[in-house]
Protein backbone atom coordinates (compact mmCIF):
# COMPACT_ATOMS: atom_id res chain seq x y z
CA MET A 1 98.23 76.66 122.60
CA LYS A 2 95.51 77.62 125.03
CA ASN A 3 94.50 80.81 126.76
CA LYS A 4 93.03 81.13 130.21
CA LEU A 5 89.37 81.14 129.18
CA PRO A 6 87.22 78.09 129.92
CA LYS A 7 85.78 76.00 127.13
CA CYS A 8 82.32 76.99 125.99
CA SER A 9 79.46 74.81 124.81
CA ARG A 10 80.87 73.70 121.46
CA ARG A 11 80.82 70.10 122.60
CA ALA A 12 77.20 70.44 123.56
CA PHE A 13 76.60 71.82 120.07
CA LEU A 14 78.40 68.82 118.62
CA ARG A 15 75.99 66.49 120.35
CA LEU A 16 73.13 68.55 118.97
CA GLY A 17 74.54 68.62 115.44
CA MET A 18 75.31 64.92 115.34
CA GLY A 19 71.83 64.15 116.55
CA LEU A 20 70.13 65.74 113.55
CA ALA A 21 68.27 63.25 111.39
CA ALA A 22 68.93 63.25 107.68
CA GLY A 23 65.62 64.30 106.20
CA ALA A 24 64.33 63.73 102.69
CA PRO A 25 65.11 66.42 100.12
CA LEU A 26 62.69 69.31 100.09
CA ALA A 27 62.25 72.55 98.24
CA LEU A 28 64.26 75.26 99.94
CA SER A 29 61.40 77.72 99.73
CA ALA A 30 59.73 75.48 102.27
CA GLY A 31 62.37 76.01 104.87
CA CYS A 32 60.67 76.46 108.22
CA GLY A 33 60.45 72.93 109.50
CA GLY A 34 58.70 71.95 106.30
CA GLU A 35 56.21 74.83 106.55
CA GLN A 36 55.74 76.64 103.25
CA LEU A 37 56.86 80.25 103.48
CA GLU A 38 54.20 82.66 102.33
CA ASN A 39 56.65 85.07 100.67
CA PRO A 40 60.08 83.49 100.53
CA PRO A 41 62.80 85.65 98.94
CA GLY A 42 62.96 83.10 96.13
CA ASN A 43 59.53 84.23 94.92
CA ARG A 44 60.92 87.63 93.99
CA PRO A 45 62.16 88.25 90.44
CA PRO A 46 65.84 87.26 90.31
CA SER A 47 68.29 90.15 90.25
CA TYR A 48 71.51 88.17 89.96
CA ARG A 49 74.69 90.13 89.95
CA THR A 50 76.78 89.77 86.80
CA ASP A 51 80.08 89.19 88.63
CA ALA A 52 80.09 85.40 88.43
CA LYS A 53 83.83 85.22 87.76
CA VAL A 54 85.86 82.92 89.99
CA ALA A 55 89.62 82.27 89.93
CA ILE A 56 91.32 79.09 91.11
CA VAL A 57 95.11 79.23 91.55
CA SER A 58 97.68 76.84 92.94
CA CYS A 59 99.25 77.61 96.33
CA ARG A 60 100.99 74.85 98.26
CA THR A 61 102.47 76.54 101.34
CA TYR A 62 101.92 79.50 103.67
CA GLY A 63 105.15 81.19 102.69
CA THR A 64 104.28 84.88 102.51
CA ASP A 65 105.72 85.32 99.03
CA GLU A 66 103.88 82.27 97.67
CA VAL A 67 100.55 83.32 99.18
CA LYS A 68 100.99 86.91 98.01
CA GLY A 69 101.85 85.72 94.49
CA ALA A 70 98.84 83.40 94.38
CA LEU A 71 96.47 86.12 95.58
CA ARG A 72 97.90 88.58 93.05
CA GLN A 73 97.42 86.02 90.29
CA SER A 74 93.83 85.37 91.33
CA PHE A 75 93.03 89.10 91.42
CA ASP A 76 94.59 89.58 87.97
CA LEU A 77 92.42 86.76 86.64
CA LEU A 78 89.38 88.60 88.01
CA GLY A 79 90.37 91.80 86.22
CA GLY A 80 92.25 93.46 89.08
CA ILE A 81 91.14 95.00 92.37
CA HIS A 82 92.62 98.51 92.12
CA THR A 83 89.33 100.14 91.20
CA LEU A 84 87.57 98.19 93.94
CA VAL A 85 89.88 99.21 96.82
CA ASN A 86 91.74 102.38 95.80
CA GLY A 87 91.21 105.12 98.38
CA LYS A 88 88.77 102.93 100.29
CA THR A 89 88.33 101.49 103.77
CA VAL A 90 88.51 97.73 103.27
CA THR A 91 87.17 95.42 105.97
CA VAL A 92 88.33 91.79 106.03
CA LYS A 93 86.23 89.26 107.97
CA VAL A 94 88.45 86.37 109.05
CA ASN A 95 87.45 83.04 110.56
CA LEU A 96 88.63 82.54 114.15
CA THR A 97 86.09 79.92 115.17
CA CYS A 98 87.07 78.44 118.52
CA GLY A 99 85.77 77.35 121.90
CA GLY A 100 87.40 80.22 123.79
CA TYR A 101 90.94 79.02 123.07
CA PHE A 102 93.06 77.91 120.12
CA GLU A 103 94.68 74.54 119.80
CA ARG A 104 96.97 72.83 117.36
CA GLN A 105 95.46 70.20 115.11
CA PHE A 106 97.41 67.45 113.34
CA ASN A 107 100.58 68.85 114.94
CA ARG A 108 100.15 72.05 112.92
CA SER A 109 99.24 75.63 113.72
CA PRO A 110 95.50 76.41 113.98
CA GLY A 111 95.75 78.40 110.76
CA GLU A 112 96.74 75.32 108.80
CA SER A 113 93.50 73.53 109.67
CA TYR A 114 90.47 75.37 111.03
CA ILE A 115 91.03 79.14 111.32
CA THR A 116 92.32 81.84 109.00
CA HIS A 117 96.10 81.66 108.70
CA GLY A 118 97.99 84.81 109.63
CA ALA A 119 100.12 84.56 106.50
CA THR A 120 97.07 84.93 104.25
CA VAL A 121 96.02 88.06 106.17
CA ILE A 122 99.50 89.58 105.89
CA ALA A 123 99.69 88.82 102.16
CA LEU A 124 96.17 90.10 101.50
CA SER A 125 96.63 93.27 103.56
CA SER A 126 99.91 94.01 101.80
CA LEU A 127 98.27 93.70 98.39
CA LEU A 128 95.28 95.81 99.40
CA LEU A 129 97.53 98.63 100.62
CA ALA A 130 99.68 98.37 97.50
CA GLU A 131 96.53 98.71 95.39
CA GLY A 132 95.68 101.97 97.16
CA ALA A 133 93.45 100.95 100.06
CA GLN A 134 93.33 103.80 102.55
CA ARG A 135 92.68 101.54 105.53
CA VAL A 136 92.52 97.78 106.08
CA ARG A 137 90.44 96.63 109.02
CA ILE A 138 90.62 93.00 110.22
CA VAL A 139 87.48 91.91 112.08
CA GLU A 140 85.93 88.92 113.81
CA SER A 141 83.39 88.43 116.61
CA ALA A 142 85.71 86.44 118.84
CA PRO A 143 85.02 85.19 122.41
CA PHE A 144 87.84 87.06 124.14
CA THR A 145 88.06 90.08 126.43
CA GLU A 146 91.79 90.47 125.86
CA PRO A 147 93.11 92.88 123.19
CA MET A 148 92.88 91.45 119.70
CA GLU A 149 96.65 91.64 119.28
CA GLN A 150 97.01 89.25 122.20
CA PHE A 151 94.60 86.54 121.14
CA LEU A 152 95.81 86.71 117.54
CA SER A 153 99.26 85.87 118.86
CA TRP A 154 97.68 82.84 120.62
CA ALA A 155 96.43 81.86 117.15
CA GLU A 156 100.08 82.00 116.01
CA TRP A 157 99.69 85.08 113.83
CA ASP A 158 102.68 87.38 113.28
CA VAL A 159 100.79 90.42 114.56
CA GLN A 160 103.83 92.71 114.60
CA THR A 161 104.47 92.16 110.88
CA LEU A 162 100.78 92.63 110.07
CA LEU A 163 100.52 95.97 111.88
CA ALA A 164 103.83 97.17 110.42
CA LEU A 165 102.38 97.02 106.90
CA GLY A 166 100.72 100.41 107.29
CA ASN A 167 97.22 101.55 108.17
CA VAL A 168 95.95 98.20 109.45
CA GLU A 169 93.35 98.11 112.22
CA LEU A 170 92.05 95.26 114.34
CA GLU A 171 88.60 95.15 115.88
CA ASN A 172 86.83 92.45 117.82
CA THR A 173 83.22 92.88 116.74
CA ARG A 174 81.70 90.71 119.49
CA ASN A 175 80.04 93.85 120.92
CA LEU A 176 80.01 97.62 120.32
CA GLY A 177 83.80 97.77 120.32
CA ILE A 178 84.82 101.36 119.70
CA GLY A 179 81.41 102.19 118.25
CA GLN A 180 78.85 104.31 120.04
CA SER A 181 75.86 102.36 118.77
CA TYR A 182 75.05 99.25 116.76
CA ALA A 183 74.59 99.52 113.02
CA ARG A 184 71.23 98.29 111.79
CA LEU A 185 71.63 96.54 108.45
CA GLN A 186 68.36 95.80 106.71
CA VAL A 187 67.63 92.64 104.73
CA PRO A 188 66.07 94.28 101.65
CA THR A 189 64.38 91.07 100.49
CA GLY A 190 62.44 90.86 103.77
CA GLY A 191 64.56 87.92 104.82
CA TYR A 192 63.96 84.25 105.47
CA LEU A 193 64.28 84.65 109.24
CA PHE A 194 65.56 88.19 109.82
CA SER A 195 64.37 91.52 108.50
CA TYR A 196 67.50 93.25 109.82
CA PHE A 197 70.59 92.65 111.96
CA GLU A 198 72.26 94.86 114.53
CA LEU A 199 76.01 94.64 114.08
CA ASN A 200 79.25 96.29 115.15
CA HIS A 201 79.86 99.58 113.33
CA SER A 202 82.71 98.05 111.27
CA TYR A 203 80.26 96.24 109.01
CA ARG A 204 78.59 99.52 108.07
CA ASP A 205 81.55 101.92 108.20
CA THR A 206 83.41 100.42 105.28
CA ASP A 207 83.56 100.79 101.52
CA VAL A 208 84.62 97.25 100.67
CA PHE A 209 83.85 94.01 102.52
CA ILE A 210 85.98 90.88 102.06
CA SER A 211 85.24 87.42 103.42
CA LEU A 212 88.46 85.43 103.97
CA ALA A 213 87.45 81.84 104.72
CA LYS A 214 88.84 78.31 105.06
CA MET A 215 87.80 75.36 102.90
CA LYS A 216 86.03 73.23 105.51
CA GLN A 217 83.01 71.05 106.01
CA HIS A 218 80.52 72.05 108.71
CA LEU A 219 78.60 69.81 111.10
CA THR A 220 75.42 71.88 110.75
CA ALA A 221 75.67 73.79 107.45
CA GLY A 222 77.41 71.17 105.32
CA VAL A 223 80.26 73.47 104.28
CA THR A 224 81.74 76.64 105.72
CA LEU A 225 83.22 78.84 103.02
CA SER A 226 82.94 82.57 102.33
CA MET A 227 79.18 82.77 102.95
CA LYS A 228 79.01 80.77 106.18
CA ASN A 229 81.93 82.92 107.40
CA LEU A 230 79.38 85.74 107.78
CA PHE A 231 77.62 83.87 110.58
CA GLY A 232 80.44 85.25 112.74
CA ILE A 233 79.62 88.90 112.09
CA THR A 234 76.70 88.68 114.52
CA PRO A 235 77.85 90.06 117.89
CA ASN A 236 77.90 87.71 120.89
CA SER A 237 76.47 90.59 122.91
CA LEU A 238 73.17 90.49 121.01
CA TYR A 239 72.97 87.01 119.46
CA GLY A 240 74.82 84.80 121.95
CA ASP A 241 73.73 82.65 124.88
CA LYS A 242 74.35 85.44 127.40
CA ALA A 243 72.75 88.23 125.39
CA PRO A 244 71.92 90.97 125.81
CA SER A 245 75.19 91.91 127.52
CA GLU A 246 78.22 93.83 126.35
CA ASP A 247 80.34 91.35 128.34
CA ALA A 248 78.91 88.27 126.62
CA LEU A 249 81.40 85.77 125.23
CA SER A 250 79.23 82.69 124.76
CA TRP A 251 78.55 81.26 121.34
CA ARG A 252 75.42 81.95 119.31
CA GLY A 253 73.16 79.16 120.53
CA PRO A 254 69.97 81.19 119.98
CA LEU A 255 70.71 81.46 116.27
CA HIS A 256 71.04 77.67 116.13
CA GLY A 257 67.79 77.20 118.04
CA ASP A 258 69.12 76.12 121.43
CA GLY A 259 66.19 75.87 123.81
CA GLY A 260 63.71 75.46 120.96
CA GLY A 261 62.24 78.23 118.83
CA TRP A 262 63.86 81.60 119.32
CA GLY A 263 64.36 80.79 123.00
CA SER A 264 64.43 83.41 125.75
CA VAL A 265 66.98 85.75 124.09
CA PRO A 266 65.39 88.66 122.17
CA LEU A 267 67.24 88.58 118.85
CA PRO A 268 67.26 91.94 117.02
CA GLY A 269 65.54 91.68 113.67
CA ALA A 270 64.16 88.15 114.12
CA ARG A 271 60.89 87.57 112.28
CA GLN A 272 58.43 86.21 114.79
CA ASP A 273 56.23 84.85 111.99
CA ARG A 274 58.97 82.43 110.90
CA ASN A 275 60.46 80.29 113.60
CA PRO A 276 61.96 77.07 112.21
CA ASP A 277 62.79 74.20 114.49
CA GLY A 278 66.31 72.84 114.22
CA PRO A 279 69.77 74.13 113.27
CA GLY A 280 69.60 72.44 109.86
CA PHE A 281 66.80 74.77 108.87
CA ARG A 282 67.76 77.82 110.90
CA VAL A 283 71.50 78.25 110.30
CA PRO A 284 71.39 78.17 106.46
CA GLN A 285 68.57 80.72 106.40
CA VAL A 286 70.42 83.02 108.81
CA VAL A 287 73.50 82.78 106.56
CA ALA A 288 71.47 83.68 103.47
CA ASP A 289 69.91 86.67 105.24
CA LEU A 290 73.33 87.90 106.41
CA CYS A 291 74.66 87.73 102.85
CA VAL A 292 71.79 89.96 101.73
CA ALA A 293 72.20 92.42 104.62
CA ARG A 294 76.00 92.71 104.38
CA PRO A 295 77.01 92.02 100.75
CA VAL A 296 80.46 90.54 100.14
CA ASP A 297 82.51 92.41 97.55
CA LEU A 298 85.38 89.93 97.36
CA ALA A 299 85.28 86.31 98.54
CA ILE A 300 88.48 84.35 99.19
CA ILE A 301 88.66 80.67 100.17
CA ASP A 302 91.91 79.34 101.63
CA GLY A 303 92.29 75.75 100.46
CA ILE A 304 96.06 75.63 100.89
CA THR A 305 95.58 73.31 103.84
CA ALA A 306 92.38 72.93 105.81
CA MET A 307 90.24 70.19 107.35
CA SER A 308 87.39 67.83 106.62
CA GLY A 309 84.88 66.31 109.01
CA GLY A 310 83.64 69.59 110.43
CA GLU A 311 84.62 73.15 111.22
CA GLY A 312 86.85 72.77 114.27
CA PRO A 313 88.74 70.48 116.65
CA TRP A 314 85.47 69.34 118.26
CA ALA A 315 84.49 67.49 115.06
CA PRO A 316 84.87 63.75 115.81
CA ASN A 317 86.05 62.87 112.31
CA ALA A 318 88.35 65.83 111.74
CA ALA A 319 91.13 65.18 109.23
CA LEU A 320 93.78 67.33 107.58
CA THR A 321 93.20 68.27 103.94
CA THR A 322 95.78 69.63 101.48
CA PRO A 323 93.96 70.91 98.38
CA GLY A 324 96.78 73.36 97.62
CA VAL A 325 94.58 76.08 96.11
CA LEU A 326 93.24 79.56 96.69
CA ILE A 327 89.82 80.44 95.25
CA ALA A 328 88.69 84.04 94.81
CA GLY A 329 85.64 85.67 93.29
CA LEU A 330 83.58 88.83 93.18
CA ASN A 331 80.43 87.11 94.35
CA PRO A 332 80.24 84.83 97.41
CA VAL A 333 77.59 82.48 96.03
CA SER A 334 79.53 81.80 92.83
CA THR A 335 82.82 81.54 94.72
CA ASP A 336 81.38 79.07 97.21
CA ALA A 337 79.77 77.07 94.41
CA VAL A 338 83.19 76.59 92.87
CA GLY A 339 84.60 75.78 96.32
CA VAL A 340 81.96 73.09 96.85
CA ALA A 341 82.80 71.57 93.46
CA VAL A 342 86.53 71.62 94.21
CA MET A 343 85.73 69.76 97.45
CA GLY A 344 84.42 66.94 95.26
CA TYR A 345 80.66 67.50 95.37
CA ALA A 346 78.88 67.20 92.04
CA ASP A 347 76.14 69.79 92.53
CA PRO A 348 76.58 73.00 94.59
CA ARG A 349 72.82 73.53 94.16
CA ALA A 350 71.89 70.20 95.76
CA THR A 351 68.83 70.22 97.98
CA ARG A 352 68.60 68.96 101.53
CA GLY A 353 69.51 65.30 101.85
CA ALA A 354 72.27 65.27 99.21
CA PRO A 355 75.95 65.67 100.21
CA PRO A 356 77.28 67.89 101.55
CA PHE A 357 73.85 69.10 102.72
CA GLY A 358 72.67 65.82 104.17
CA ASN A 359 71.14 67.29 107.34
CA CYS A 360 70.47 70.88 106.32
CA ASP A 361 69.11 73.26 103.76
CA ASN A 362 71.62 74.51 101.19
CA HIS A 363 72.55 78.10 102.03
CA LEU A 364 74.04 78.59 98.56
CA LEU A 365 70.69 77.78 96.96
CA LEU A 366 68.83 79.92 99.49
CA ALA A 367 71.09 82.88 98.70
CA GLU A 368 70.68 82.26 94.97
CA GLN A 369 66.91 82.31 95.42
CA ALA A 370 67.25 85.60 97.30
CA GLY A 371 69.08 87.15 94.34
CA VAL A 372 72.56 87.30 95.90
CA GLY A 373 74.36 85.45 93.10
CA LEU A 374 74.67 82.37 90.93
CA ALA A 375 75.37 78.87 92.22
CA ASP A 376 74.88 77.21 88.83
CA LEU A 377 78.34 76.06 87.70
CA SER A 378 77.31 76.18 84.04
CA ARG A 379 76.83 79.95 84.37
CA ILE A 380 80.01 80.72 86.33
CA ASP A 381 83.14 81.90 84.53
CA VAL A 382 85.92 79.82 86.13
CA ARG A 383 89.41 81.15 85.43
CA GLY A 384 92.89 79.80 86.13
CA LEU A 385 92.85 76.14 87.10
CA THR A 386 89.84 74.13 86.04
CA ILE A 387 87.59 72.64 88.70
CA GLN A 388 88.64 69.19 87.53
CA ASP A 389 92.34 70.01 87.87
CA ALA A 390 91.80 71.51 91.33
CA ARG A 391 89.40 68.88 92.63
CA TYR A 392 90.26 67.48 96.07
CA PRO A 393 87.45 65.21 97.27
CA TYR A 394 86.36 65.65 100.87
CA SER A 395 84.48 62.87 102.62
CA SER A 396 80.70 62.95 102.31
């Protein structure tokens, strides 16, 4: 299913991503094109959060009752979410990655392969409201000028059922949206590449922040789970190819390094003293900085069905995957570490050069060094299914 917008430069990005050379492993504190950082976040005393609990539960289909039951089970395994969300504004960042349109993959809806499935959003929103959430806000920086209700219907979401649940809001955070000004979120560690980000108000005006991701590989970042999902909170209007412009729809080439260095687009918060060359260095460090600036309170990975080979239809080796699991945790680093292991990779803390981080730095390890959370499986409390029982190997 396609909308009327033209395709953007995803294919050009594909050529860029596939052209990256697989470098030798290197210490992640030396992330800027091999240049040693003078004060990387990893040099600070670790202040790991103690919420390294991750639940793995079985979920085979996108039937609303099955997804709702699996999410409820995962939350119970984590100790419940009532205290977390009761009386609160809860913001859910979904993954609607696309080239300006949605298309079916493998003769299935987009939500069964490369974007967030509408059924998971309905089930999650229903549970959040039942647990006392005052407001549930669904957000994504999506390349559309049409109302969010309209392009979500193109993605084959049941928007009417979602909005009928209660106080559910939708906001496209590609620009100011309904906000009067951008919210400046600092990176308290000083950041690998950014000292702050300017974002849509929704990422500040919330009590609880949830990342709802798909279990996918990524052509540039190795994997795209709950942490990489935050790359999409940056507004196209400030961090995209056509920035600065409130009408910008283009993807975020400047954050990848299109044009070399920081390029001609002035990126709010970019550290001019650290300017790595190449997406494999830049993207993981941006992800780590975003996870520091906008902490994730609840991370959810949809591995019911997804895809391998990349993050979207433009990936040349895209293939359907059917892990049949949902993974949830109170810390995105620990949750993603378990997700990486379920995808069949032995070491979520692997350095550059080892699968799945063959052409890039490991954003899980960067975030661990910055004190966001634990990626060490031996120190993560895995509940529900074991990693071994849930394992569904993705290609390297």
